[in-house]
mmCIF file of all heavy atoms, coordinates in Angstrom:
data_MODEL
# 
_entry.id   MODEL 
# 
loop_
_atom_site.group_PDB 
_atom_site.id 
_atom_site.type_symbol 
_atom_site.label_atom_id 
_atom_site.label_alt_id 
_atom_site.label_comp_id 
_atom_site.label_asym_id 
_atom_site.label_entity_id 
_atom_site.label_seq_id 
_atom_site.pdbx_PDB_ins_code 
_atom_site.Cartn_x 
_atom_site.Cartn_y 
_atom_site.Cartn_z 
_atom_site.occupancy 
_atom_site.B_iso_or_equiv 
_atom_site.pdbx_formal_charge 
_atom_site.auth_seq_id 
_atom_site.auth_comp_id 
_atom_site.auth_asym_id 
_atom_site.auth_atom_id 
_atom_site.pdbx_PDB_model_num 
ATOM 1   N N   . VAL A 1 1  ? 65.170 -19.401 -55.030 1.00 0.00 ? 1  VAL A N   1 
ATOM 2   C CA  . VAL A 1 1  ? 65.681 -20.028 -53.817 1.00 0.00 ? 1  VAL A CA  1 
ATOM 3   C C   . VAL A 1 1  ? 66.593 -21.178 -54.212 1.00 0.00 ? 1  VAL A C   1 
ATOM 4   O O   . VAL A 1 1  ? 66.460 -21.747 -55.289 1.00 0.00 ? 1  VAL A O   1 
ATOM 5   C CB  . VAL A 1 1  ? 64.543 -20.550 -52.905 1.00 0.00 ? 1  VAL A CB  1 
ATOM 6   C CG1 . VAL A 1 1  ? 63.690 -19.404 -52.384 1.00 0.00 ? 1  VAL A CG1 1 
ATOM 7   C CG2 . VAL A 1 1  ? 63.685 -21.561 -53.629 1.00 0.00 ? 1  VAL A CG2 1 
ATOM 8   N N   . GLY A 1 2  ? 67.512 -21.501 -53.348 1.00 0.00 ? 2  GLY A N   1 
ATOM 9   C CA  . GLY A 1 2  ? 68.410 -22.636 -53.550 1.00 0.00 ? 2  GLY A CA  1 
ATOM 10  C C   . GLY A 1 2  ? 69.141 -22.893 -52.253 1.00 0.00 ? 2  GLY A C   1 
ATOM 11  O O   . GLY A 1 2  ? 70.128 -22.224 -51.945 1.00 0.00 ? 2  GLY A O   1 
ATOM 12  N N   . ALA A 1 3  ? 68.636 -23.822 -51.460 1.00 0.00 ? 3  ALA A N   1 
ATOM 13  C CA  . ALA A 1 3  ? 69.163 -24.046 -50.111 1.00 0.00 ? 3  ALA A CA  1 
ATOM 14  C C   . ALA A 1 3  ? 70.665 -24.326 -50.144 1.00 0.00 ? 3  ALA A C   1 
ATOM 15  O O   . ALA A 1 3  ? 71.121 -25.276 -50.778 1.00 0.00 ? 3  ALA A O   1 
ATOM 16  C CB  . ALA A 1 3  ? 68.419 -25.207 -49.453 1.00 0.00 ? 3  ALA A CB  1 
ATOM 17  N N   . GLY A 1 4  ? 71.425 -23.469 -49.479 1.00 0.00 ? 4  GLY A N   1 
ATOM 18  C CA  . GLY A 1 4  ? 72.868 -23.637 -49.385 1.00 0.00 ? 4  GLY A CA  1 
ATOM 19  C C   . GLY A 1 4  ? 73.646 -23.181 -50.599 1.00 0.00 ? 4  GLY A C   1 
ATOM 20  O O   . GLY A 1 4  ? 74.867 -23.329 -50.630 1.00 0.00 ? 4  GLY A O   1 
ATOM 21  N N   . GLN A 1 5  ? 72.988 -22.603 -51.585 1.00 0.00 ? 5  GLN A N   1 
ATOM 22  C CA  . GLN A 1 5  ? 73.673 -22.175 -52.805 1.00 0.00 ? 5  GLN A CA  1 
ATOM 23  C C   . GLN A 1 5  ? 73.976 -20.680 -52.748 1.00 0.00 ? 5  GLN A C   1 
ATOM 24  O O   . GLN A 1 5  ? 73.214 -19.890 -52.207 1.00 0.00 ? 5  GLN A O   1 
ATOM 25  C CB  . GLN A 1 5  ? 72.817 -22.485 -54.033 1.00 0.00 ? 5  GLN A CB  1 
ATOM 26  C CG  . GLN A 1 5  ? 72.515 -23.967 -54.217 1.00 0.00 ? 5  GLN A CG  1 
ATOM 27  C CD  . GLN A 1 5  ? 71.655 -24.224 -55.437 1.00 0.00 ? 5  GLN A CD  1 
ATOM 28  O OE1 . GLN A 1 5  ? 71.623 -23.435 -56.372 1.00 0.00 ? 5  GLN A OE1 1 
ATOM 29  N NE2 . GLN A 1 5  ? 70.944 -25.343 -55.416 1.00 0.00 ? 5  GLN A NE2 1 
ATOM 30  N N   . HIS A 1 6  ? 75.115 -20.307 -53.341 1.00 0.00 ? 6  HIS A N   1 
ATOM 31  C CA  . HIS A 1 6  ? 75.519 -18.908 -53.499 1.00 0.00 ? 6  HIS A CA  1 
ATOM 32  C C   . HIS A 1 6  ? 75.733 -18.200 -52.160 1.00 0.00 ? 6  HIS A C   1 
ATOM 33  O O   . HIS A 1 6  ? 75.582 -16.985 -52.068 1.00 0.00 ? 6  HIS A O   1 
ATOM 34  C CB  . HIS A 1 6  ? 74.490 -18.144 -54.343 1.00 0.00 ? 6  HIS A CB  1 
ATOM 35  C CG  . HIS A 1 6  ? 74.132 -18.816 -55.627 1.00 0.00 ? 6  HIS A CG  1 
ATOM 36  N ND1 . HIS A 1 6  ? 75.034 -18.982 -56.655 1.00 0.00 ? 6  HIS A ND1 1 
ATOM 37  C CD2 . HIS A 1 6  ? 72.977 -19.408 -56.043 1.00 0.00 ? 6  HIS A CD2 1 
ATOM 38  C CE1 . HIS A 1 6  ? 74.446 -19.627 -57.654 1.00 0.00 ? 6  HIS A CE1 1 
ATOM 39  N NE2 . HIS A 1 6  ? 73.212 -19.902 -57.301 1.00 0.00 ? 6  HIS A NE2 1 
ATOM 40  N N   . VAL A 1 7  ? 76.082 -18.947 -51.123 1.00 0.00 ? 7  VAL A N   1 
ATOM 41  C CA  . VAL A 1 7  ? 76.398 -18.338 -49.824 1.00 0.00 ? 7  VAL A CA  1 
ATOM 42  C C   . VAL A 1 7  ? 77.730 -18.892 -49.295 1.00 0.00 ? 7  VAL A C   1 
ATOM 43  O O   . VAL A 1 7  ? 77.923 -19.007 -48.085 1.00 0.00 ? 7  VAL A O   1 
ATOM 44  C CB  . VAL A 1 7  ? 75.263 -18.575 -48.803 1.00 0.00 ? 7  VAL A CB  1 
ATOM 45  C CG1 . VAL A 1 7  ? 74.065 -17.696 -49.097 1.00 0.00 ? 7  VAL A CG1 1 
ATOM 46  C CG2 . VAL A 1 7  ? 74.858 -20.046 -48.744 1.00 0.00 ? 7  VAL A CG2 1 
ATOM 47  N N   . TRP A 1 8  ? 78.649 -19.204 -50.211 1.00 0.00 ? 8  TRP A N   1 
ATOM 48  C CA  . TRP A 1 8  ? 79.922 -19.778 -49.798 1.00 0.00 ? 8  TRP A CA  1 
ATOM 49  C C   . TRP A 1 8  ? 80.752 -18.783 -48.997 1.00 0.00 ? 8  TRP A C   1 
ATOM 50  O O   . TRP A 1 8  ? 81.497 -19.175 -48.097 1.00 0.00 ? 8  TRP A O   1 
ATOM 51  C CB  . TRP A 1 8  ? 80.700 -20.266 -51.020 1.00 0.00 ? 8  TRP A CB  1 
ATOM 52  C CG  . TRP A 1 8  ? 80.088 -21.479 -51.633 1.00 0.00 ? 8  TRP A CG  1 
ATOM 53  C CD1 . TRP A 1 8  ? 79.427 -21.569 -52.820 1.00 0.00 ? 8  TRP A CD1 1 
ATOM 54  C CD2 . TRP A 1 8  ? 80.041 -22.798 -51.067 1.00 0.00 ? 8  TRP A CD2 1 
ATOM 55  N NE1 . TRP A 1 8  ? 78.974 -22.849 -53.040 1.00 0.00 ? 8  TRP A NE1 1 
ATOM 56  C CE2 . TRP A 1 8  ? 79.340 -23.626 -51.979 1.00 0.00 ? 8  TRP A CE2 1 
ATOM 57  C CE3 . TRP A 1 8  ? 80.523 -23.356 -49.893 1.00 0.00 ? 8  TRP A CE3 1 
ATOM 58  C CZ2 . TRP A 1 8  ? 79.111 -24.974 -51.732 1.00 0.00 ? 8  TRP A CZ2 1 
ATOM 59  C CZ3 . TRP A 1 8  ? 80.295 -24.698 -49.644 1.00 0.00 ? 8  TRP A CZ3 1 
ATOM 60  C CH2 . TRP A 1 8  ? 79.598 -25.499 -50.562 1.00 0.00 ? 8  TRP A CH2 1 
ATOM 61  N N   . LEU A 1 9  ? 80.654 -17.510 -49.312 1.00 0.00 ? 9  LEU A N   1 
ATOM 62  C CA  . LEU A 1 9  ? 81.398 -16.518 -48.544 1.00 0.00 ? 9  LEU A CA  1 
ATOM 63  C C   . LEU A 1 9  ? 80.921 -16.502 -47.098 1.00 0.00 ? 9  LEU A C   1 
ATOM 64  O O   . LEU A 1 9  ? 81.726 -16.459 -46.155 1.00 0.00 ? 9  LEU A O   1 
ATOM 65  C CB  . LEU A 1 9  ? 81.236 -15.134 -49.169 1.00 0.00 ? 9  LEU A CB  1 
ATOM 66  C CG  . LEU A 1 9  ? 81.913 -13.976 -48.412 1.00 0.00 ? 9  LEU A CG  1 
ATOM 67  C CD1 . LEU A 1 9  ? 83.410 -14.200 -48.333 1.00 0.00 ? 9  LEU A CD1 1 
ATOM 68  C CD2 . LEU A 1 9  ? 81.607 -12.639 -49.084 1.00 0.00 ? 9  LEU A CD2 1 
ATOM 69  N N   . GLU A 1 10 ? 79.611 -16.556 -46.910 1.00 0.00 ? 10 GLU A N   1 
ATOM 70  C CA  . GLU A 1 10 ? 79.066 -16.564 -45.557 1.00 0.00 ? 10 GLU A CA  1 
ATOM 71  C C   . GLU A 1 10 ? 79.441 -17.852 -44.813 1.00 0.00 ? 10 GLU A C   1 
ATOM 72  O O   . GLU A 1 10 ? 79.734 -17.816 -43.609 1.00 0.00 ? 10 GLU A O   1 
ATOM 73  C CB  . GLU A 1 10 ? 77.547 -16.403 -45.613 1.00 0.00 ? 10 GLU A CB  1 
ATOM 74  C CG  . GLU A 1 10 ? 77.076 -15.017 -46.013 1.00 0.00 ? 10 GLU A CG  1 
ATOM 75  C CD  . GLU A 1 10 ? 77.185 -14.740 -47.511 1.00 0.00 ? 10 GLU A CD  1 
ATOM 76  O OE1 . GLU A 1 10 ? 77.520 -15.687 -48.269 1.00 0.00 ? 10 GLU A OE1 1 
ATOM 77  O OE2 . GLU A 1 10 ? 76.927 -13.611 -47.923 1.00 0.00 ? 10 GLU A OE2 1 
ATOM 78  N N   . PHE A 1 11 ? 79.449 -18.972 -45.515 1.00 0.00 ? 11 PHE A N   1 
ATOM 79  C CA  . PHE A 1 11 ? 79.871 -20.226 -44.881 1.00 0.00 ? 11 PHE A CA  1 
ATOM 80  C C   . PHE A 1 11 ? 81.347 -20.172 -44.496 1.00 0.00 ? 11 PHE A C   1 
ATOM 81  O O   . PHE A 1 11 ? 81.745 -20.686 -43.441 1.00 0.00 ? 11 PHE A O   1 
ATOM 82  C CB  . PHE A 1 11 ? 79.612 -21.403 -45.818 1.00 0.00 ? 11 PHE A CB  1 
ATOM 83  C CG  . PHE A 1 11 ? 78.155 -21.777 -45.951 1.00 0.00 ? 11 PHE A CG  1 
ATOM 84  C CD1 . PHE A 1 11 ? 77.735 -22.636 -46.943 1.00 0.00 ? 11 PHE A CD1 1 
ATOM 85  C CD2 . PHE A 1 11 ? 77.212 -21.260 -45.081 1.00 0.00 ? 11 PHE A CD2 1 
ATOM 86  C CE1 . PHE A 1 11 ? 76.403 -22.992 -47.065 1.00 0.00 ? 11 PHE A CE1 1 
ATOM 87  C CE2 . PHE A 1 11 ? 75.867 -21.601 -45.198 1.00 0.00 ? 11 PHE A CE2 1 
ATOM 88  C CZ  . PHE A 1 11 ? 75.465 -22.467 -46.181 1.00 0.00 ? 11 PHE A CZ  1 
ATOM 89  N N   . ALA A 1 12 ? 82.164 -19.562 -45.360 1.00 0.00 ? 12 ALA A N   1 
ATOM 90  C CA  . ALA A 1 12 ? 83.590 -19.412 -45.035 1.00 0.00 ? 12 ALA A CA  1 
ATOM 91  C C   . ALA A 1 12 ? 83.767 -18.516 -43.819 1.00 0.00 ? 12 ALA A C   1 
ATOM 92  O O   . ALA A 1 12 ? 84.617 -18.777 -42.946 1.00 0.00 ? 12 ALA A O   1 
ATOM 93  C CB  . ALA A 1 12 ? 84.341 -18.845 -46.231 1.00 0.00 ? 12 ALA A CB  1 
ATOM 94  N N   . LEU A 1 13 ? 82.970 -17.440 -43.736 1.00 0.00 ? 13 LEU A N   1 
ATOM 95  C CA  . LEU A 1 13 ? 83.015 -16.560 -42.574 1.00 0.00 ? 13 LEU A CA  1 
ATOM 96  C C   . LEU A 1 13 ? 82.647 -17.329 -41.306 1.00 0.00 ? 13 LEU A C   1 
ATOM 97  O O   . LEU A 1 13 ? 83.308 -17.196 -40.267 1.00 0.00 ? 13 LEU A O   1 
ATOM 98  C CB  . LEU A 1 13 ? 82.057 -15.392 -42.781 1.00 0.00 ? 13 LEU A CB  1 
ATOM 99  C CG  . LEU A 1 13 ? 81.878 -14.443 -41.600 1.00 0.00 ? 13 LEU A CG  1 
ATOM 100 C CD1 . LEU A 1 13 ? 83.191 -13.733 -41.296 1.00 0.00 ? 13 LEU A CD1 1 
ATOM 101 C CD2 . LEU A 1 13 ? 80.778 -13.425 -41.897 1.00 0.00 ? 13 LEU A CD2 1 
ATOM 102 N N   . ALA A 1 14 ? 81.599 -18.163 -41.398 1.00 0.00 ? 14 ALA A N   1 
ATOM 103 C CA  . ALA A 1 14 ? 81.183 -18.946 -40.238 1.00 0.00 ? 14 ALA A CA  1 
ATOM 104 C C   . ALA A 1 14 ? 82.276 -19.920 -39.824 1.00 0.00 ? 14 ALA A C   1 
ATOM 105 O O   . ALA A 1 14 ? 82.596 -20.046 -38.623 1.00 0.00 ? 14 ALA A O   1 
ATOM 106 C CB  . ALA A 1 14 ? 79.893 -19.696 -40.556 1.00 0.00 ? 14 ALA A CB  1 
ATOM 107 N N   . GLY A 1 15 ? 82.880 -20.598 -40.796 1.00 0.00 ? 15 GLY A N   1 
ATOM 108 C CA  . GLY A 1 15 ? 83.927 -21.557 -40.472 1.00 0.00 ? 15 GLY A CA  1 
ATOM 109 C C   . GLY A 1 15 ? 85.150 -20.914 -39.856 1.00 0.00 ? 15 GLY A C   1 
ATOM 110 O O   . GLY A 1 15 ? 85.803 -21.503 -38.976 1.00 0.00 ? 15 GLY A O   1 
ATOM 111 N N   . SER A 1 16 ? 85.481 -19.711 -40.285 1.00 0.00 ? 16 SER A N   1 
ATOM 112 C CA  . SER A 1 16 ? 86.673 -19.039 -39.750 1.00 0.00 ? 16 SER A CA  1 
ATOM 113 C C   . SER A 1 16 ? 86.485 -18.637 -38.293 1.00 0.00 ? 16 SER A C   1 
ATOM 114 O O   . SER A 1 16 ? 87.477 -18.353 -37.600 1.00 0.00 ? 16 SER A O   1 
ATOM 115 C CB  . SER A 1 16 ? 86.993 -17.800 -40.591 1.00 0.00 ? 16 SER A CB  1 
ATOM 116 O OG  . SER A 1 16 ? 85.975 -16.816 -40.463 1.00 0.00 ? 16 SER A OG  1 
ATOM 117 N N   . ALA A 1 17 ? 85.240 -18.615 -37.820 1.00 0.00 ? 17 ALA A N   1 
ATOM 118 C CA  . ALA A 1 17 ? 85.009 -18.241 -36.418 1.00 0.00 ? 17 ALA A CA  1 
ATOM 119 C C   . ALA A 1 17 ? 85.585 -19.269 -35.459 1.00 0.00 ? 17 ALA A C   1 
ATOM 120 O O   . ALA A 1 17 ? 85.957 -18.931 -34.326 1.00 0.00 ? 17 ALA A O   1 
ATOM 121 C CB  . ALA A 1 17 ? 83.510 -18.080 -36.166 1.00 0.00 ? 17 ALA A CB  1 
ATOM 122 N N   . VAL A 1 18 ? 85.670 -20.533 -35.879 1.00 0.00 ? 18 VAL A N   1 
ATOM 123 C CA  . VAL A 1 18 ? 86.140 -21.586 -34.969 1.00 0.00 ? 18 VAL A CA  1 
ATOM 124 C C   . VAL A 1 18 ? 87.601 -21.376 -34.567 1.00 0.00 ? 18 VAL A C   1 
ATOM 125 O O   . VAL A 1 18 ? 87.908 -21.237 -33.366 1.00 0.00 ? 18 VAL A O   1 
ATOM 126 C CB  . VAL A 1 18 ? 85.923 -22.977 -35.590 1.00 0.00 ? 18 VAL A CB  1 
ATOM 127 C CG1 . VAL A 1 18 ? 86.528 -24.060 -34.702 1.00 0.00 ? 18 VAL A CG1 1 
ATOM 128 C CG2 . VAL A 1 18 ? 84.438 -23.237 -35.796 1.00 0.00 ? 18 VAL A CG2 1 
ATOM 129 N N   . PRO A 1 19 ? 88.566 -21.356 -35.501 1.00 0.00 ? 19 PRO A N   1 
ATOM 130 C CA  . PRO A 1 19 ? 89.961 -21.185 -35.064 1.00 0.00 ? 19 PRO A CA  1 
ATOM 131 C C   . PRO A 1 19 ? 90.211 -19.831 -34.416 1.00 0.00 ? 19 PRO A C   1 
ATOM 132 O O   . PRO A 1 19 ? 91.027 -19.729 -33.484 1.00 0.00 ? 19 PRO A O   1 
ATOM 133 C CB  . PRO A 1 19 ? 90.762 -21.346 -36.364 1.00 0.00 ? 19 PRO A CB  1 
ATOM 134 C CG  . PRO A 1 19 ? 89.803 -21.039 -37.456 1.00 0.00 ? 19 PRO A CG  1 
ATOM 135 C CD  . PRO A 1 19 ? 88.471 -21.502 -36.975 1.00 0.00 ? 19 PRO A CD  1 
ATOM 136 N N   . VAL A 1 20 ? 89.530 -18.793 -34.882 1.00 0.00 ? 20 VAL A N   1 
ATOM 137 C CA  . VAL A 1 20 ? 89.763 -17.466 -34.317 1.00 0.00 ? 20 VAL A CA  1 
ATOM 138 C C   . VAL A 1 20 ? 89.290 -17.408 -32.868 1.00 0.00 ? 20 VAL A C   1 
ATOM 139 O O   . VAL A 1 20 ? 90.007 -16.933 -31.970 1.00 0.00 ? 20 VAL A O   1 
ATOM 140 C CB  . VAL A 1 20 ? 89.056 -16.391 -35.167 1.00 0.00 ? 20 VAL A CB  1 
ATOM 141 C CG1 . VAL A 1 20 ? 89.121 -15.029 -34.476 1.00 0.00 ? 20 VAL A CG1 1 
ATOM 142 C CG2 . VAL A 1 20 ? 89.700 -16.302 -36.545 1.00 0.00 ? 20 VAL A CG2 1 
ATOM 143 N N   . LEU A 1 21 ? 88.084 -17.898 -32.595 1.00 0.00 ? 21 LEU A N   1 
ATOM 144 C CA  . LEU A 1 21 ? 87.565 -17.880 -31.229 1.00 0.00 ? 21 LEU A CA  1 
ATOM 145 C C   . LEU A 1 21 ? 88.412 -18.741 -30.297 1.00 0.00 ? 21 LEU A C   1 
ATOM 146 O O   . LEU A 1 21 ? 88.695 -18.352 -29.156 1.00 0.00 ? 21 LEU A O   1 
ATOM 147 C CB  . LEU A 1 21 ? 86.112 -18.370 -31.214 1.00 0.00 ? 21 LEU A CB  1 
ATOM 148 C CG  . LEU A 1 21 ? 85.017 -17.321 -31.392 1.00 0.00 ? 21 LEU A CG  1 
ATOM 149 C CD1 . LEU A 1 21 ? 83.642 -17.979 -31.349 1.00 0.00 ? 21 LEU A CD1 1 
ATOM 150 C CD2 . LEU A 1 21 ? 85.114 -16.241 -30.337 1.00 0.00 ? 21 LEU A CD2 1 
ATOM 151 N N   . VAL A 1 22 ? 88.810 -19.907 -30.756 1.00 0.00 ? 22 VAL A N   1 
ATOM 152 C CA  . VAL A 1 22 ? 89.607 -20.799 -29.920 1.00 0.00 ? 22 VAL A CA  1 
ATOM 153 C C   . VAL A 1 22 ? 90.926 -20.134 -29.539 1.00 0.00 ? 22 VAL A C   1 
ATOM 154 O O   . VAL A 1 22 ? 91.323 -20.124 -28.364 1.00 0.00 ? 22 VAL A O   1 
ATOM 155 C CB  . VAL A 1 22 ? 89.851 -22.142 -30.643 1.00 0.00 ? 22 VAL A CB  1 
ATOM 156 C CG1 . VAL A 1 22 ? 90.893 -22.967 -29.908 1.00 0.00 ? 22 VAL A CG1 1 
ATOM 157 C CG2 . VAL A 1 22 ? 88.551 -22.934 -30.756 1.00 0.00 ? 22 VAL A CG2 1 
ATOM 158 N N   . CYS A 1 23 ? 91.614 -19.563 -30.513 1.00 0.00 ? 23 CYS A N   1 
ATOM 159 C CA  . CYS A 1 23 ? 92.911 -18.939 -30.230 1.00 0.00 ? 23 CYS A CA  1 
ATOM 160 C C   . CYS A 1 23 ? 92.762 -17.746 -29.285 1.00 0.00 ? 23 CYS A C   1 
ATOM 161 O O   . CYS A 1 23 ? 93.499 -17.621 -28.301 1.00 0.00 ? 23 CYS A O   1 
ATOM 162 C CB  . CYS A 1 23 ? 93.572 -18.498 -31.534 1.00 0.00 ? 23 CYS A CB  1 
ATOM 163 S SG  . CYS A 1 23 ? 94.125 -19.851 -32.595 1.00 0.00 ? 23 CYS A SG  1 
ATOM 164 N N   . LEU A 1 24 ? 91.814 -16.877 -29.564 1.00 0.00 ? 24 LEU A N   1 
ATOM 165 C CA  . LEU A 1 24 ? 91.667 -15.671 -28.753 1.00 0.00 ? 24 LEU A CA  1 
ATOM 166 C C   . LEU A 1 24 ? 91.199 -15.987 -27.337 1.00 0.00 ? 24 LEU A C   1 
ATOM 167 O O   . LEU A 1 24 ? 91.524 -15.265 -26.393 1.00 0.00 ? 24 LEU A O   1 
ATOM 168 C CB  . LEU A 1 24 ? 90.696 -14.708 -29.431 1.00 0.00 ? 24 LEU A CB  1 
ATOM 169 C CG  . LEU A 1 24 ? 91.142 -14.152 -30.787 1.00 0.00 ? 24 LEU A CG  1 
ATOM 170 C CD1 . LEU A 1 24 ? 90.120 -13.171 -31.335 1.00 0.00 ? 24 LEU A CD1 1 
ATOM 171 C CD2 . LEU A 1 24 ? 92.514 -13.485 -30.677 1.00 0.00 ? 24 LEU A CD2 1 
ATOM 172 N N   . ALA A 1 25 ? 90.422 -17.068 -27.183 1.00 0.00 ? 25 ALA A N   1 
ATOM 173 C CA  . ALA A 1 25 ? 89.916 -17.398 -25.857 1.00 0.00 ? 25 ALA A CA  1 
ATOM 174 C C   . ALA A 1 25 ? 90.956 -18.091 -24.987 1.00 0.00 ? 25 ALA A C   1 
ATOM 175 O O   . ALA A 1 25 ? 90.893 -18.004 -23.752 1.00 0.00 ? 25 ALA A O   1 
ATOM 176 C CB  . ALA A 1 25 ? 88.680 -18.289 -25.990 1.00 0.00 ? 25 ALA A CB  1 
ATOM 177 N N   . LEU A 1 26 ? 91.917 -18.769 -25.577 1.00 0.00 ? 26 LEU A N   1 
ATOM 178 C CA  . LEU A 1 26 ? 92.918 -19.481 -24.783 1.00 0.00 ? 26 LEU A CA  1 
ATOM 179 C C   . LEU A 1 26 ? 94.121 -18.617 -24.424 1.00 0.00 ? 26 LEU A C   1 
ATOM 180 O O   . LEU A 1 26 ? 94.828 -18.896 -23.434 1.00 0.00 ? 26 LEU A O   1 
ATOM 181 C CB  . LEU A 1 26 ? 93.394 -20.723 -25.543 1.00 0.00 ? 26 LEU A CB  1 
ATOM 182 C CG  . LEU A 1 26 ? 92.332 -21.788 -25.844 1.00 0.00 ? 26 LEU A CG  1 
ATOM 183 C CD1 . LEU A 1 26 ? 92.985 -23.018 -26.456 1.00 0.00 ? 26 LEU A CD1 1 
ATOM 184 C CD2 . LEU A 1 26 ? 91.563 -22.175 -24.595 1.00 0.00 ? 26 LEU A CD2 1 
# 
């Protein structure tokens, strides 16, 4: 186990949801 380690791809995926959702919703 390692809290927050080796999941950078998933964190990047989560972060990309913000600009994508904002643009598509407006």
